[in-house]
Amino acid sequence: VKPMQAPSDTSAVEGLVGKIQSAQMKSIVTDNVAPADLKKYGLDKPTASVTLSLGSAKAQLLIGGKSGDGALYAKDASKPVVMTLDAALIDDLKKGADDYRKRDLFAFRAYDATRIELTRGKETVAFDKIKGAKPTDEDKWRRTGAKADADKEKMGVFLAKLESLRALSFVESAARTGLDAPALTVYAKFDDGKKEERVTFGKVGSDVYAARPGEPGAAKVNLTERSEEHTSELQSRF
């Protein structure tokens, strides 16, 4: 929620919380530090701080400078005890917000997608999953308005490519990303049609960017030429 509102990567955030939870002090430097001595430990202007909340309860850990053995000075903001911690913790605390952002562009999975729409310019091509008539029958994909089924293998490969698309990095603004005139917009329905999502792609030179509604800036994507050719193939053949 700060410095921007955006979906976070659950495993990355839980990993950080786990490291904070399991952090242990290496030693106690002093049981009762005087306010005037905080500067000696770099705790008058902490390098980093962590605030944890549980209901109305809060706890704040302050990280100061390095001690002689390479550890870090630290203290609970509400207590006078100065301790040392393993310096490895500071590396995780100094990571930027982008390191904890969700990088998967799509939430759907190939097996639970029910509709895919591909829009380029004024042309939209849509595919719907057709449930098998019997429990033993396989589901099929069909282009909207067509009588013949889409090629099962090609649809499977394409959906897997979309599912695996991830952001390499993020930019704060969508300016100069080509998203003002999208090269491709992908709309997907999944989870038996209960959920939907839309991702827009822009291109500037060889760089490809993607954006999701309601999220700040844009994501830089590694969209290979092979993926683009496959998209064109789906649009033209089905």
C-alpha atoms as a PDB file:
ATOM      1  CA  VAL A   1       0.000   0.000   0.000  1.00  0.00           C
ATOM      2  CA  LYS A   2       3.075   2.305   0.135  1.00  0.00           C
ATOM      3  CA  PRO A   3       4.680   3.901  -1.805  1.00  0.00           C
ATOM      4  CA  MET A   4       2.066   2.661  -4.298  1.00  0.00           C
ATOM      5  CA  GLN A   5      -0.930   0.352  -4.185  1.00  0.00           C
ATOM      6  CA  ALA A   6      -0.237  -2.796  -6.172  1.00  0.00           C
ATOM      7  CA  PRO A   7      -0.578  -6.566  -5.751  1.00  0.00           C
ATOM      8  CA  SER A   8       2.333  -8.058  -3.828  1.00  0.00           C
ATOM      9  CA  ASP A   9       4.104 -11.349  -4.356  1.00  0.00           C
ATOM     10  CA  THR A  10       2.789 -13.515  -1.545  1.00  0.00           C
ATOM     11  CA  SER A  11       5.854 -15.740  -1.250  1.00  0.00           C
ATOM     12  CA  ALA A  12       8.249 -12.769  -1.261  1.00  0.00           C
ATOM     13  CA  VAL A  13       6.336 -10.931   1.469  1.00  0.00           C
ATOM     14  CA  GLU A  14       5.851 -14.049   3.577  1.00  0.00           C
ATOM     15  CA  GLY A  15       9.560 -14.772   3.170  1.00  0.00           C
ATOM     16  CA  LEU A  16      10.403 -11.324   4.532  1.00  0.00           C
ATOM     17  CA  VAL A  17       7.988 -11.708   7.450  1.00  0.00           C
ATOM     18  CA  GLY A  18       9.491 -15.113   8.186  1.00  0.00           C
ATOM     19  CA  LYS A  19      13.013 -13.692   8.311  1.00  0.00           C
ATOM     20  CA  ILE A  20      11.901 -10.943  10.675  1.00  0.00           C
ATOM     21  CA  GLN A  21      10.041 -13.450  12.824  1.00  0.00           C
ATOM     22  CA  SER A  22      13.051 -15.764  13.101  1.00  0.00           C
ATOM     23  CA  ALA A  23      15.636 -12.996  13.614  1.00  0.00           C
ATOM     24  CA  GLN A  24      17.572 -13.450  16.848  1.00  0.00           C
ATOM     25  CA  MET A  25      19.906 -11.111  18.687  1.00  0.00           C
ATOM     26  CA  LYS A  26      23.576 -12.095  18.674  1.00  0.00           C
ATOM     27  CA  SER A  27      24.419 -10.212  21.832  1.00  0.00           C
ATOM     28  CA  ILE A  28      23.203  -7.563  24.272  1.00  0.00           C
ATOM     29  CA  VAL A  29      25.347  -4.424  24.143  1.00  0.00           C
ATOM     30  CA  THR A  30      23.647  -2.532  26.955  1.00  0.00           C
ATOM     31  CA  ASP A  31      20.528  -3.007  29.050  1.00  0.00           C
ATOM     32  CA  ASN A  32      19.791   0.685  29.409  1.00  0.00           C
ATOM     33  CA  VAL A  33      21.059   3.020  26.723  1.00  0.00           C
ATOM     34  CA  ALA A  34      20.955   6.759  27.410  1.00  0.00           C
ATOM     35  CA  PRO A  35      19.298   8.874  24.691  1.00  0.00           C
ATOM     36  CA  ALA A  36      22.577  10.733  24.220  1.00  0.00           C
ATOM     37  CA  ASP A  37      24.363   7.452  23.420  1.00  0.00           C
ATOM     38  CA  LEU A  38      22.053   6.392  20.598  1.00  0.00           C
ATOM     39  CA  LYS A  39      24.285   8.166  18.075  1.00  0.00           C
ATOM     40  CA  LYS A  40      27.179   5.903  19.067  1.00  0.00           C
ATOM     41  CA  TYR A  41      25.191   2.953  17.755  1.00  0.00           C
ATOM     42  CA  GLY A  42      23.693   4.701  14.742  1.00  0.00           C
ATOM     43  CA  LEU A  43      20.283   4.492  16.376  1.00  0.00           C
ATOM     44  CA  ASP A  44      19.646   8.239  16.545  1.00  0.00           C
ATOM     45  CA  LYS A  45      19.016   8.077  12.787  1.00  0.00           C
ATOM     46  CA  PRO A  46      18.271   4.385  12.100  1.00  0.00           C
ATOM     47  CA  THR A  47      19.390   2.817   8.823  1.00  0.00           C
ATOM     48  CA  ALA A  48      16.061   1.004   8.656  1.00  0.00           C
ATOM     49  CA  SER A  49      13.067   0.269  10.810  1.00  0.00           C
ATOM     50  CA  VAL A  50      10.398  -2.405  10.818  1.00  0.00           C
ATOM     51  CA  THR A  51       6.951  -1.860  12.288  1.00  0.00           C
ATOM     52  CA  LEU A  52       4.773  -4.917  12.878  1.00  0.00           C
ATOM     53  CA  SER A  53       1.097  -4.641  13.757  1.00  0.00           C
ATOM     54  CA  LEU A  54      -1.365  -7.133  15.174  1.00  0.00           C
ATOM     55  CA  GLY A  55      -4.715  -5.521  15.874  1.00  0.00           C
ATOM     56  CA  SER A  56      -4.054  -2.522  18.108  1.00  0.00           C
ATOM     57  CA  ALA A  57      -0.637  -3.838  19.195  1.00  0.00           C
ATOM     58  CA  LYS A  58       2.496  -2.578  17.452  1.00  0.00           C
ATOM     59  CA  ALA A  59       6.194  -3.311  17.735  1.00  0.00           C
ATOM     60  CA  GLN A  60       9.008  -1.404  16.042  1.00  0.00           C
ATOM     61  CA  LEU A  61      12.544  -2.635  15.481  1.00  0.00           C
ATOM     62  CA  LEU A  62      15.215  -0.013  14.763  1.00  0.00           C
ATOM     63  CA  ILE A  63      18.383  -0.957  12.863  1.00  0.00           C
ATOM     64  CA  GLY A  64      21.519   1.127  13.445  1.00  0.00           C
ATOM     65  CA  GLY A  65      25.154   1.001  12.385  1.00  0.00           C
ATOM     66  CA  LYS A  66      27.645  -1.860  12.215  1.00  0.00           C
ATOM     67  CA  SER A  67      29.296  -3.234  15.304  1.00  0.00           C
ATOM     68  CA  GLY A  68      32.927  -4.283  15.472  1.00  0.00           C
ATOM     69  CA  ASP A  69      32.187  -7.912  14.547  1.00  0.00           C
ATOM     70  CA  GLY A  70      30.204  -6.988  11.420  1.00  0.00           C
ATOM     71  CA  ALA A  71      26.805  -7.395  13.048  1.00  0.00           C
ATOM     72  CA  LEU A  72      24.266  -4.563  13.295  1.00  0.00           C
ATOM     73  CA  TYR A  73      23.160  -2.601  16.310  1.00  0.00           C
ATOM     74  CA  ALA A  74      19.415  -2.738  16.883  1.00  0.00           C
ATOM     75  CA  LYS A  75      16.799  -2.006  19.516  1.00  0.00           C
ATOM     76  CA  ASP A  76      13.111  -2.261  20.191  1.00  0.00           C
ATOM     77  CA  ALA A  77      11.825   1.319  19.890  1.00  0.00           C
ATOM     78  CA  SER A  78       9.940   0.979  23.186  1.00  0.00           C
ATOM     79  CA  LYS A  79      12.809  -0.498  25.211  1.00  0.00           C
ATOM     80  CA  PRO A  80      16.249   0.782  26.283  1.00  0.00           C
ATOM     81  CA  VAL A  81      18.105  -2.418  25.373  1.00  0.00           C
ATOM     82  CA  VAL A  82      20.658  -2.221  22.521  1.00  0.00           C
ATOM     83  CA  MET A  83      21.479  -5.551  20.883  1.00  0.00           C
ATOM     84  CA  THR A  84      23.271  -6.811  17.788  1.00  0.00           C
ATOM     85  CA  LEU A  85      21.687  -8.687  14.891  1.00  0.00           C
ATOM     86  CA  ASP A  86      23.009 -10.598  11.901  1.00  0.00           C
ATOM     87  CA  ALA A  87      23.807  -8.077   9.135  1.00  0.00           C
ATOM     88  CA  ALA A  88      22.080 -10.260   6.499  1.00  0.00           C
ATOM     89  CA  LEU A  89      18.688  -9.010   7.691  1.00  0.00           C
ATOM     90  CA  ILE A  90      19.403  -5.459   6.524  1.00  0.00           C
ATOM     91  CA  ASP A  91      19.722  -6.631   2.890  1.00  0.00           C
ATOM     92  CA  ASP A  92      16.087  -7.748   2.902  1.00  0.00           C
ATOM     93  CA  LEU A  93      14.927  -4.599   4.683  1.00  0.00           C
ATOM     94  CA  LYS A  94      16.652  -2.369   2.131  1.00  0.00           C
ATOM     95  CA  LYS A  95      14.960  -3.944  -0.888  1.00  0.00           C
ATOM     96  CA  GLY A  96      12.691  -1.619  -2.820  1.00  0.00           C
ATOM     97  CA  ALA A  97       8.924  -1.990  -3.151  1.00  0.00           C
ATOM     98  CA  ASP A  98       9.296  -3.444  -6.660  1.00  0.00           C
ATOM     99  CA  ASP A  99      11.147  -6.438  -5.234  1.00  0.00           C
ATOM    100  CA  TYR A 100       7.952  -7.415  -3.429  1.00  0.00           C
ATOM    101  CA  ARG A 101       5.497  -6.707  -6.258  1.00  0.00           C
ATOM    102  CA  LYS A 102       3.635  -9.514  -7.970  1.00  0.00           C
ATOM    103  CA  ARG A 103       5.419 -10.245 -11.242  1.00  0.00           C
ATOM    104  CA  ASP A 104       2.975 -12.712 -12.824  1.00  0.00           C
ATOM    105  CA  LEU A 105       0.977 -10.778 -15.417  1.00  0.00           C
ATOM    106  CA  PHE A 106      -1.931 -13.217 -15.415  1.00  0.00           C
ATOM    107  CA  ALA A 107      -3.704 -14.861 -12.496  1.00  0.00           C
ATOM    108  CA  PHE A 108      -5.462 -17.496 -14.631  1.00  0.00           C
ATOM    109  CA  ARG A 109      -3.978 -20.910 -15.302  1.00  0.00           C
ATOM    110  CA  ALA A 110      -4.229 -22.777 -18.572  1.00  0.00           C
ATOM    111  CA  TYR A 111      -6.481 -25.412 -17.028  1.00  0.00           C
ATOM    112  CA  ASP A 112      -9.054 -22.983 -15.551  1.00  0.00           C
ATOM    113  CA  ALA A 113      -9.321 -20.428 -18.392  1.00  0.00           C
ATOM    114  CA  THR A 114     -12.772 -20.365 -20.004  1.00  0.00           C
ATOM    115  CA  ARG A 115     -12.502 -17.488 -22.478  1.00  0.00           C
ATOM    116  CA  ILE A 116      -9.643 -15.610 -24.138  1.00  0.00           C
ATOM    117  CA  GLU A 117     -10.010 -12.457 -26.238  1.00  0.00           C
ATOM    118  CA  LEU A 118      -7.127 -11.015 -28.252  1.00  0.00           C
ATOM    119  CA  THR A 119      -7.524  -7.453 -29.515  1.00  0.00           C
ATOM    120  CA  ARG A 120      -5.164  -5.773 -31.951  1.00  0.00           C
ATOM    121  CA  GLY A 121      -6.323  -2.398 -33.193  1.00  0.00           C
ATOM    122  CA  LYS A 122      -9.979  -2.782 -34.147  1.00  0.00           C
ATOM    123  CA  GLU A 123      -9.812  -6.546 -34.585  1.00  0.00           C
ATOM    124  CA  THR A 124     -10.801  -8.906 -31.766  1.00  0.00           C
ATOM    125  CA  VAL A 125     -10.514 -12.672 -31.901  1.00  0.00           C
ATOM    126  CA  ALA A 126     -12.124 -14.661 -29.075  1.00  0.00           C
ATOM    127  CA  PHE A 127     -11.902 -18.293 -27.993  1.00  0.00           C
ATOM    128  CA  ASP A 128     -14.300 -20.131 -25.668  1.00  0.00           C
ATOM    129  CA  LYS A 129     -13.749 -23.383 -23.831  1.00  0.00           C
ATOM    130  CA  ILE A 130     -16.488 -25.868 -24.700  1.00  0.00           C
ATOM    131  CA  LYS A 131     -17.242 -28.330 -21.941  1.00  0.00           C
ATOM    132  CA  GLY A 132     -17.388 -31.985 -22.931  1.00  0.00           C
ATOM    133  CA  ALA A 133     -20.908 -33.362 -23.268  1.00  0.00           C
ATOM    134  CA  LYS A 134     -20.023 -36.207 -20.922  1.00  0.00           C
ATOM    135  CA  PRO A 135     -17.735 -36.315 -17.873  1.00  0.00           C
ATOM    136  CA  THR A 136     -15.383 -38.544 -19.865  1.00  0.00           C
ATOM    137  CA  ASP A 137     -15.263 -36.146 -22.839  1.00  0.00           C
ATOM    138  CA  GLU A 138     -12.380 -33.679 -23.098  1.00  0.00           C
ATOM    139  CA  ASP A 139     -13.006 -29.940 -23.085  1.00  0.00           C
ATOM    140  CA  LYS A 140     -12.346 -28.173 -26.384  1.00  0.00           C
ATOM    141  CA  TRP A 141     -11.521 -24.638 -27.495  1.00  0.00           C
ATOM    142  CA  ARG A 142     -13.450 -22.954 -30.292  1.00  0.00           C
ATOM    143  CA  ARG A 143     -13.078 -19.564 -31.895  1.00  0.00           C
ATOM    144  CA  THR A 144     -16.230 -17.509 -31.390  1.00  0.00           C
ATOM    145  CA  GLY A 145     -18.377 -17.734 -34.489  1.00  0.00           C
ATOM    146  CA  ALA A 146     -16.515 -20.715 -35.926  1.00  0.00           C
ATOM    147  CA  LYS A 147     -17.889 -24.228 -36.295  1.00  0.00           C
ATOM    148  CA  ALA A 148     -14.601 -26.080 -36.102  1.00  0.00           C
ATOM    149  CA  ASP A 149     -12.632 -26.564 -32.903  1.00  0.00           C
ATOM    150  CA  ALA A 150      -9.323 -24.783 -32.413  1.00  0.00           C
ATOM    151  CA  ASP A 151      -6.143 -26.837 -32.457  1.00  0.00           C
ATOM    152  CA  LYS A 152      -5.874 -28.251 -28.921  1.00  0.00           C
ATOM    153  CA  GLU A 153      -2.078 -28.389 -28.823  1.00  0.00           C
ATOM    154  CA  LYS A 154      -1.585 -24.850 -30.117  1.00  0.00           C
ATOM    155  CA  MET A 155      -4.135 -23.454 -27.686  1.00  0.00           C
ATOM    156  CA  GLY A 156      -2.432 -25.291 -24.837  1.00  0.00           C
ATOM    157  CA  VAL A 157       0.981 -23.897 -25.790  1.00  0.00           C
ATOM    158  CA  PHE A 158      -0.366 -20.361 -26.181  1.00  0.00           C
ATOM    159  CA  LEU A 159      -2.222 -20.391 -22.850  1.00  0.00           C
ATOM    160  CA  ALA A 160       0.894 -21.727 -21.126  1.00  0.00           C
ATOM    161  CA  LYS A 161       2.915 -18.846 -22.617  1.00  0.00           C
ATOM    162  CA  LEU A 162       0.429 -16.286 -21.327  1.00  0.00           C
ATOM    163  CA  GLU A 163       0.338 -17.962 -17.921  1.00  0.00           C
ATOM    164  CA  SER A 164       4.131 -17.817 -17.616  1.00  0.00           C
ATOM    165  CA  LEU A 165       4.563 -14.157 -18.595  1.00  0.00           C
ATOM    166  CA  ARG A 166       6.301 -12.223 -15.824  1.00  0.00           C
ATOM    167  CA  ALA A 167       7.482  -8.681 -15.296  1.00  0.00           C
ATOM    168  CA  LEU A 168      11.234  -8.246 -15.535  1.00  0.00           C
ATOM    169  CA  SER A 169      11.043  -4.811 -13.914  1.00  0.00           C
ATOM    170  CA  PHE A 170       8.633  -1.923 -13.385  1.00  0.00           C
ATOM    171  CA  VAL A 171       8.504   1.702 -14.542  1.00  0.00           C
ATOM    172  CA  GLU A 172       6.695   4.388 -12.565  1.00  0.00           C
ATOM    173  CA  SER A 173       4.926   5.931 -15.563  1.00  0.00           C
ATOM    174  CA  ALA A 174       3.179   4.425 -18.580  1.00  0.00           C
ATOM    175  CA  ALA A 175       4.492   7.296 -20.716  1.00  0.00           C
ATOM    176  CA  ARG A 176       6.719   6.226 -23.609  1.00  0.00           C
ATOM    177  CA  THR A 177       5.689   2.576 -23.238  1.00  0.00           C
ATOM    178  CA  GLY A 178       3.425   2.350 -26.285  1.00  0.00           C
ATOM    179  CA  LEU A 179       0.450   1.631 -24.028  1.00  0.00           C
ATOM    180  CA  ASP A 180      -1.389   4.711 -25.310  1.00  0.00           C
ATOM    181  CA  ALA A 181      -1.779   2.779 -28.583  1.00  0.00           C
ATOM    182  CA  PRO A 182      -1.753  -0.868 -27.449  1.00  0.00           C
ATOM    183  CA  ALA A 183      -0.209  -3.482 -29.698  1.00  0.00           C
ATOM    184  CA  LEU A 184      -2.277  -6.192 -28.006  1.00  0.00           C
ATOM    185  CA  THR A 185      -4.897  -6.503 -25.280  1.00  0.00           C
ATOM    186  CA  VAL A 186      -5.616  -9.878 -23.710  1.00  0.00           C
ATOM    187  CA  TYR A 187      -8.867 -10.406 -21.823  1.00  0.00           C
ATOM    188  CA  ALA A 188      -9.350 -13.648 -19.934  1.00  0.00           C
ATOM    189  CA  LYS A 189     -12.174 -15.247 -17.978  1.00  0.00           C
ATOM    190  CA  PHE A 190     -11.375 -18.109 -15.641  1.00  0.00           C
ATOM    191  CA  ASP A 191     -12.515 -20.086 -12.606  1.00  0.00           C
ATOM    192  CA  ASP A 192     -15.740 -21.150 -14.355  1.00  0.00           C
ATOM    193  CA  GLY A 193     -16.235 -17.604 -15.581  1.00  0.00           C
ATOM    194  CA  LYS A 194     -16.368 -16.145 -12.061  1.00  0.00           C
ATOM    195  CA  LYS A 195     -13.171 -14.115 -12.482  1.00  0.00           C
ATOM    196  CA  GLU A 196     -11.793 -11.960 -15.258  1.00  0.00           C
ATOM    197  CA  GLU A 197      -8.667  -9.957 -16.003  1.00  0.00           C
ATOM    198  CA  ARG A 198      -7.267  -7.746 -18.721  1.00  0.00           C
ATOM    199  CA  VAL A 199      -3.646  -7.062 -19.626  1.00  0.00           C
ATOM    200  CA  THR A 200      -2.618  -4.477 -22.222  1.00  0.00           C
ATOM    201  CA  PHE A 201       0.700  -4.632 -24.066  1.00  0.00           C
ATOM    202  CA  GLY A 202       2.621  -1.765 -25.646  1.00  0.00           C
ATOM    203  CA  LYS A 203       5.819  -1.799 -27.645  1.00  0.00           C
ATOM    204  CA  VAL A 204       8.585   0.769 -28.107  1.00  0.00           C
ATOM    205  CA  GLY A 205      11.373  -0.475 -30.342  1.00  0.00           C
ATOM    206  CA  SER A 206      12.322  -3.907 -29.030  1.00  0.00           C
ATOM    207  CA  ASP A 207      10.960  -3.219 -25.551  1.00  0.00           C
ATOM    208  CA  VAL A 208       7.562  -4.603 -24.548  1.00  0.00           C
ATOM    209  CA  TYR A 209       5.517  -3.232 -21.659  1.00  0.00           C
ATOM    210  CA  ALA A 210       2.331  -4.433 -19.977  1.00  0.00           C
ATOM    211  CA  ALA A 211      -0.287  -2.829 -17.754  1.00  0.00           C
ATOM    212  CA  ARG A 212      -3.184  -4.042 -15.663  1.00  0.00           C
ATOM    213  CA  PRO A 213      -6.192  -1.833 -14.773  1.00  0.00           C
ATOM    214  CA  GLY A 214      -5.827  -0.046 -11.445  1.00  0.00           C
ATOM    215  CA  GLU A 215      -2.096  -0.717 -11.079  1.00  0.00           C
ATOM    216  CA  PRO A 216       0.514   2.076 -11.231  1.00  0.00           C
ATOM    217  CA  GLY A 217       3.040   2.486 -14.024  1.00  0.00           C
ATOM    218  CA  ALA A 218       3.849  -0.450 -16.259  1.00  0.00           C
ATOM    219  CA  ALA A 219       5.806  -3.685 -16.281  1.00  0.00           C
ATOM    220  CA  LYS A 220       8.638  -4.407 -18.672  1.00  0.00           C
ATOM    221  CA  VAL A 221       8.114  -7.857 -20.157  1.00  0.00           C
ATOM    222  CA  ASN A 222      10.324 -10.379 -21.898  1.00  0.00           C
ATOM    223  CA  LEU A 223       7.961 -11.144 -24.770  1.00  0.00           C
ATOM    224  CA  THR A 224       9.965 -13.098 -27.314  1.00  0.00           C
ATOM    225  CA  GLU A 225       9.435 -12.910 -31.065  1.00  0.00           C
ATOM    226  CA  ARG A 226       8.282 -16.514 -30.946  1.00  0.00           C
ATOM    227  CA  SER A 227       5.444 -15.548 -28.594  1.00  0.00           C
ATOM    228  CA  GLU A 228       4.371 -12.699 -30.866  1.00  0.00           C
ATOM    229  CA  GLU A 229       4.422 -14.954 -33.925  1.00  0.00           C
ATOM    230  CA  HIS A 230       2.316 -17.506 -32.072  1.00  0.00           C
ATOM    231  CA  THR A 231      -0.242 -14.826 -31.203  1.00  0.00           C
ATOM    232  CA  SER A 232      -0.468 -13.806 -34.854  1.00  0.00           C
ATOM    233  CA  GLU A 233      -0.836 -17.450 -35.854  1.00  0.00           C
ATOM    234  CA  LEU A 234      -3.779 -17.918 -33.522  1.00  0.00           C
ATOM    235  CA  GLN A 235      -5.469 -14.796 -34.833  1.00  0.00           C
ATOM    236  CA  SER A 236      -5.021 -15.734 -38.476  1.00  0.00           C
ATOM    237  CA  ARG A 237      -5.633 -19.475 -38.447  1.00  0.00           C
ATOM    238  CA  PHE A 238      -8.578 -19.860 -36.111  1.00  0.00           C
END
